[in-house]
C-alpha atoms as a PDB file:
ATOM      1  CA  MET A   1      86.819 107.157 117.337  1.00  0.00           C
ATOM      2  CA  PRO A   2      85.784 108.257 113.765  1.00  0.00           C
ATOM      3  CA  ALA A   3      88.385 107.857 111.013  1.00  0.00           C
ATOM      4  CA  LYS A   4      90.479 111.347 110.372  1.00  0.00           C
ATOM      5  CA  PRO A   5      89.533 113.390 107.658  1.00  0.00           C
ATOM      6  CA  GLU A   6      92.697 113.747 106.119  1.00  0.00           C
ATOM      7  CA  THR A   7      92.866 109.535 105.867  1.00  0.00           C
ATOM      8  CA  ILE A   8      89.166 110.296 104.080  1.00  0.00           C
ATOM      9  CA  ALA A   9      90.016 113.056 101.726  1.00  0.00           C
ATOM     10  CA  ALA A  10      93.181 111.085 100.889  1.00  0.00           C
ATOM     11  CA  LEU A  11      91.039 108.153  99.749  1.00  0.00           C
ATOM     12  CA  ALA A  12      88.720 110.092  97.796  1.00  0.00           C
ATOM     13  CA  ALA A  13      91.076 112.106  96.318  1.00  0.00           C
ATOM     14  CA  ARG A  14      92.902 108.577  95.045  1.00  0.00           C
ATOM     15  CA  PHE A  15      89.461 106.833  94.328  1.00  0.00           C
ATOM     16  CA  ALA A  16      87.119 108.047  92.112  1.00  0.00           C
ATOM     17  CA  GLY A  17      83.608 107.113  92.888  1.00  0.00           C
ATOM     18  CA  LEU A  18      84.107 107.019  96.339  1.00  0.00           C
ATOM     19  CA  SER A  19      81.177 108.689  99.006  1.00  0.00           C
ATOM     20  CA  ALA A  20      81.737 109.537 102.798  1.00  0.00           C
ATOM     21  CA  SER A  21      79.471 110.154 105.466  1.00  0.00           C
ATOM     22  CA  GLU A  22      79.451 110.595 109.299  1.00  0.00           C
ATOM     23  CA  PHE A  23      77.047 109.426 111.362  1.00  0.00           C
ATOM     24  CA  ARG A  24      77.281 109.749 115.430  1.00  0.00           C
ATOM     25  CA  GLY A  25      81.053 109.032 115.267  1.00  0.00           C
ATOM     26  CA  ASP A  26      81.185 106.482 113.306  1.00  0.00           C
ATOM     27  CA  THR A  27      82.385 107.177 109.212  1.00  0.00           C
ATOM     28  CA  ARG A  28      81.579 105.253 106.225  1.00  0.00           C
ATOM     29  CA  VAL A  29      82.889 105.261 103.005  1.00  0.00           C
ATOM     30  CA  VAL A  30      81.284 103.638 100.292  1.00  0.00           C
ATOM     31  CA  VAL A  31      83.972 102.078  97.402  1.00  0.00           C
ATOM     32  CA  LEU A  32      82.999 100.804  94.369  1.00  0.00           C
ATOM     33  CA  LYS A  33      83.488  97.128  93.591  1.00  0.00           C
ATOM     34  CA  ASP A  34      86.203  97.476  90.909  1.00  0.00           C
ATOM     35  CA  SER A  35      88.213  99.712  93.326  1.00  0.00           C
ATOM     36  CA  LEU A  36      87.875  97.596  96.909  1.00  0.00           C
ATOM     37  CA  LEU A  37      91.002  95.857  96.773  1.00  0.00           C
ATOM     38  CA  ALA A  38      93.167  98.476  95.781  1.00  0.00           C
ATOM     39  CA  ALA A  39      91.225 100.531  98.502  1.00  0.00           C
ATOM     40  CA  MET A  40      91.574  98.331 101.005  1.00  0.00           C
ATOM     41  CA  GLN A  41      95.790  98.178 100.195  1.00  0.00           C
ATOM     42  CA  HIS A  42      95.346 102.131 100.787  1.00  0.00           C
ATOM     43  CA  LEU A  43      94.158 101.947 104.303  1.00  0.00           C
ATOM     44  CA  LYS A  44      96.299  99.110 105.342  1.00  0.00           C
ATOM     45  CA  SER A  45      99.446 100.644 104.179  1.00  0.00           C
ATOM     46  CA  ASP A  46      99.284 104.393 104.388  1.00  0.00           C
ATOM     47  CA  GLY A  47      96.190 104.624 106.807  1.00  0.00           C
ATOM     48  CA  LYS A  48      97.711 102.138 109.370  1.00  0.00           C
ATOM     49  CA  PHE A  49      94.007 100.159 109.666  1.00  0.00           C
ATOM     50  CA  ASP A  50      96.006  96.992 110.910  1.00  0.00           C
ATOM     51  CA  LEU A  51      93.123  95.474 112.336  1.00  0.00           C
ATOM     52  CA  LEU A  52      90.379  93.897 110.201  1.00  0.00           C
ATOM     53  CA  VAL A  53      87.339  93.736 112.565  1.00  0.00           C
ATOM     54  CA  ASP A  54      84.752  91.900 110.805  1.00  0.00           C
ATOM     55  CA  VAL A  55      83.177  91.381 107.450  1.00  0.00           C
ATOM     56  CA  THR A  56      79.585  90.951 107.102  1.00  0.00           C
ATOM     57  CA  CYS A  57      77.054  91.530 104.242  1.00  0.00           C
ATOM     58  CA  VAL A  58      73.465  92.990 103.993  1.00  0.00           C
ATOM     59  CA  ASP A  59      70.904  92.166 101.548  1.00  0.00           C
ATOM     60  CA  TYR A  60      69.016  95.146 100.302  1.00  0.00           C
ATOM     61  CA  LEU A  61      66.375  92.656  98.452  1.00  0.00           C
ATOM     62  CA  ASN A  62      62.888  94.359  99.254  1.00  0.00           C
ATOM     63  CA  TYR A  63      64.354  97.727 100.167  1.00  0.00           C
ATOM     64  CA  ARG A  64      62.051 100.328  98.514  1.00  0.00           C
ATOM     65  CA  ASP A  65      65.129 102.970  97.973  1.00  0.00           C
ATOM     66  CA  ALA A  66      67.829 100.200  97.328  1.00  0.00           C
ATOM     67  CA  ARG A  67      69.637 100.462  93.886  1.00  0.00           C
ATOM     68  CA  ASP A  68      71.504  97.327  94.680  1.00  0.00           C
ATOM     69  CA  ARG A  69      71.013  94.155  96.412  1.00  0.00           C
ATOM     70  CA  PHE A  70      74.048  93.321  98.578  1.00  0.00           C
ATOM     71  CA  GLY A  71      76.249  95.770 100.408  1.00  0.00           C
ATOM     72  CA  LEU A  72      79.432  94.070 101.555  1.00  0.00           C
ATOM     73  CA  VAL A  73      80.878  95.810 104.272  1.00  0.00           C
ATOM     74  CA  TYR A  74      84.231  95.814 106.191  1.00  0.00           C
ATOM     75  CA  LEU A  75      84.969  97.455 110.111  1.00  0.00           C
ATOM     76  CA  LEU A  76      88.297  98.605 110.014  1.00  0.00           C
ATOM     77  CA  ALA A  77      90.988  99.901 112.986  1.00  0.00           C
ATOM     78  CA  ASN A  78      93.687 101.625 113.618  1.00  0.00           C
ATOM     79  CA  THR A  79      95.155 100.078 116.802  1.00  0.00           C
ATOM     80  CA  VAL A  80      97.587 102.888 117.412  1.00  0.00           C
ATOM     81  CA  THR A  81      95.296 106.362 116.941  1.00  0.00           C
ATOM     82  CA  ASN A  82      91.840 104.234 117.856  1.00  0.00           C
ATOM     83  CA  GLU A  83      90.499 105.097 114.351  1.00  0.00           C
ATOM     84  CA  ARG A  84      87.781 102.917 113.212  1.00  0.00           C
ATOM     85  CA  LEU A  85      86.265 103.231 109.742  1.00  0.00           C
ATOM     86  CA  THR A  86      83.345 101.322 108.008  1.00  0.00           C
ATOM     87  CA  VAL A  87      84.063 100.303 104.566  1.00  0.00           C
ATOM     88  CA  ARG A  88      81.169  99.467 101.920  1.00  0.00           C
ATOM     89  CA  SER A  89      80.798  97.946  98.496  1.00  0.00           C
ATOM     90  CA  PHE A  90      77.823  97.126  97.086  1.00  0.00           C
ATOM     91  CA  LEU A  91      77.105  93.846  94.648  1.00  0.00           C
ATOM     92  CA  ASN A  92      74.532  93.234  92.250  1.00  0.00           C
ATOM     93  CA  GLU A  93      73.635  89.515  90.653  1.00  0.00           C
ATOM     94  CA  PRO A  94      74.856  88.090  88.863  1.00  0.00           C
ATOM     95  CA  ASP A  95      78.584  88.896  89.693  1.00  0.00           C
ATOM     96  CA  LEU A  96      78.978  88.324  93.128  1.00  0.00           C
ATOM     97  CA  THR A  97      82.735  88.068  93.464  1.00  0.00           C
ATOM     98  CA  VAL A  98      85.064  90.635  95.259  1.00  0.00           C
ATOM     99  CA  PRO A  99      88.576  89.717  95.894  1.00  0.00           C
ATOM    100  CA  SER A 100      89.634  88.317  99.193  1.00  0.00           C
ATOM    101  CA  MET A 101      91.305  90.782 101.945  1.00  0.00           C
ATOM    102  CA  VAL A 102      93.119  87.340 103.362  1.00  0.00           C
ATOM    103  CA  PRO A 103      96.584  88.646 101.474  1.00  0.00           C
ATOM    104  CA  LEU A 104      95.918  92.096 103.550  1.00  0.00           C
ATOM    105  CA  TRP A 105      94.571  90.568 106.920  1.00  0.00           C
ATOM    106  CA  SER A 106      94.625  86.842 107.833  1.00  0.00           C
ATOM    107  CA  GLY A 107      91.805  87.288 109.767  1.00  0.00           C
ATOM    108  CA  ALA A 108      89.276  87.675 107.010  1.00  0.00           C
ATOM    109  CA  ASN A 109      89.960  83.923 106.066  1.00  0.00           C
ATOM    110  CA  TRP A 110      87.413  82.759 108.298  1.00  0.00           C
ATOM    111  CA  LEU A 111      84.912  85.969 108.260  1.00  0.00           C
ATOM    112  CA  GLU A 112      84.846  85.681 104.561  1.00  0.00           C
ATOM    113  CA  ARG A 113      83.908  81.838 104.741  1.00  0.00           C
ATOM    114  CA  GLU A 114      80.828  83.191 106.893  1.00  0.00           C
ATOM    115  CA  VAL A 115      79.861  85.724 104.135  1.00  0.00           C
ATOM    116  CA  TYR A 116      80.162  83.174 101.556  1.00  0.00           C
ATOM    117  CA  ASP A 117      78.113  80.386 103.533  1.00  0.00           C
ATOM    118  CA  MET A 118      75.050  83.078 104.493  1.00  0.00           C
ATOM    119  CA  PHE A 119      75.256  85.295 101.188  1.00  0.00           C
ATOM    120  CA  GLY A 120      76.867  83.345  98.608  1.00  0.00           C
ATOM    121  CA  ILE A 121      79.446  86.193  97.898  1.00  0.00           C
ATOM    122  CA  LEU A 122      82.739  84.853  96.355  1.00  0.00           C
ATOM    123  CA  PHE A 123      86.160  85.836  97.202  1.00  0.00           C
ATOM    124  CA  ASP A 124      88.498  85.815  94.469  1.00  0.00           C
ATOM    125  CA  GLY A 125      91.627  84.549  95.730  1.00  0.00           C
ATOM    126  CA  HIS A 126      90.488  83.335  99.130  1.00  0.00           C
ATOM    127  CA  PRO A 127      92.760  80.323 100.327  1.00  0.00           C
ATOM    128  CA  ASP A 128      89.850  78.173 101.281  1.00  0.00           C
ATOM    129  CA  LEU A 129      86.664  78.963 100.168  1.00  0.00           C
ATOM    130  CA  ARG A 130      83.900  76.310 101.540  1.00  0.00           C
ATOM    131  CA  ARG A 131      80.953  76.354 103.947  1.00  0.00           C
ATOM    132  CA  ILE A 132      81.660  77.109 107.548  1.00  0.00           C
ATOM    133  CA  LEU A 133      78.518  76.725 109.236  1.00  0.00           C
ATOM    134  CA  MET A 134      76.079  74.937 107.014  1.00  0.00           C
ATOM    135  CA  PRO A 135      76.768  71.183 105.713  1.00  0.00           C
ATOM    136  CA  ASN A 136      78.755  70.881 102.122  1.00  0.00           C
ATOM    137  CA  GLU A 137      75.514  69.469 101.018  1.00  0.00           C
ATOM    138  CA  PHE A 138      73.031  72.473 101.601  1.00  0.00           C
ATOM    139  CA  ALA A 139      72.829  74.543  98.205  1.00  0.00           C
ATOM    140  CA  GLU A 140      71.316  77.824  99.369  1.00  0.00           C
ATOM    141  CA  PHE A 141      72.249  80.828 101.604  1.00  0.00           C
ATOM    142  CA  PRO A 142      69.942  80.962 104.691  1.00  0.00           C
ATOM    143  CA  LEU A 143      70.983  85.030 105.171  1.00  0.00           C
ATOM    144  CA  ARG A 144      69.406  85.886 101.927  1.00  0.00           C
ATOM    145  CA  LYS A 145      66.305  87.761 102.145  1.00  0.00           C
ATOM    146  CA  ASP A 146      64.577  85.412  99.153  1.00  0.00           C
ATOM    147  CA  TYR A 147      65.364  82.133 101.506  1.00  0.00           C
ATOM    148  CA  PRO A 148      62.546  80.318 102.364  1.00  0.00           C
ATOM    149  CA  LEU A 149      61.748  80.780 106.283  1.00  0.00           C
ATOM    150  CA  GLN A 150      59.520  77.482 106.294  1.00  0.00           C
ATOM    151  CA  GLY A 151      58.743  74.199 103.756  1.00  0.00           C
ATOM    152  CA  ARG A 152      61.102  73.285 101.150  1.00  0.00           C
ATOM    153  CA  GLY A 153      64.866  74.852 101.477  1.00  0.00           C
ATOM    154  CA  GLU A 154      64.618  74.430 105.037  1.00  0.00           C
ATOM    155  CA  ARG A 155      66.648  71.761 105.226  1.00  0.00           C
ATOM    156  CA  HIS A 156      65.092  69.321 102.432  1.00  0.00           C
ATOM    157  CA  ASN A 157      68.614  68.054 101.439  1.00  0.00           C
ATOM    158  CA  PHE A 158      70.532  67.605 104.718  1.00  0.00           C
ATOM    159  CA  PRO A 159      72.144  64.186 105.071  1.00  0.00           C
ATOM    160  CA  VAL A 160      70.376  61.354 107.296  1.00  0.00           C
ATOM    161  CA  LEU A 161      72.320  60.948 110.368  1.00  0.00           C
ATOM    162  CA  LYS A 162      71.931  57.220 111.665  1.00  0.00           C
ATOM    163  CA  ARG A 163      73.033  56.064 114.822  1.00  0.00           C
ATOM    164  CA  ASN A 164      74.650  52.786 116.239  1.00  0.00           C
ATOM    165  CA  GLN A 165      72.563  50.700 118.112  1.00  0.00           C
ATOM    166  CA  ALA A 166      74.110  48.772 120.409  1.00  0.00           C
END
């Protein structure tokens, strides 16, 4: 079920630059990066979005009409009213830092670590922001569009594992 129109209207009235759209029953809002934490706090407290379903990211490098490099995506749900809402915020290099949502939803912990590991987005205030899928020695972010698919960069700095021969 899409978010209620009054929820979106209250959000738009409080946060300048917010845009909203609906497509096939899904409500989406775009929040400016500077307002992201306050908007998410508002959605949790006033909008009663008590479940953070997912956090992901999209790399818009080489998209013809894209004005921003990264789109950070939060999927929220209100488990009482069954409302769902997609919240987006756009980021550009070199400033890829946003506030962590772990203080609002503890489930954001692992989700933000995954986005950090795959895209290099930094979450300010995260309690344990470190790689979760790739080895610590890995220097790149594999889901970025400029990551090489073959050759150098693929596995050049993985540690060599040696097995004991008994």
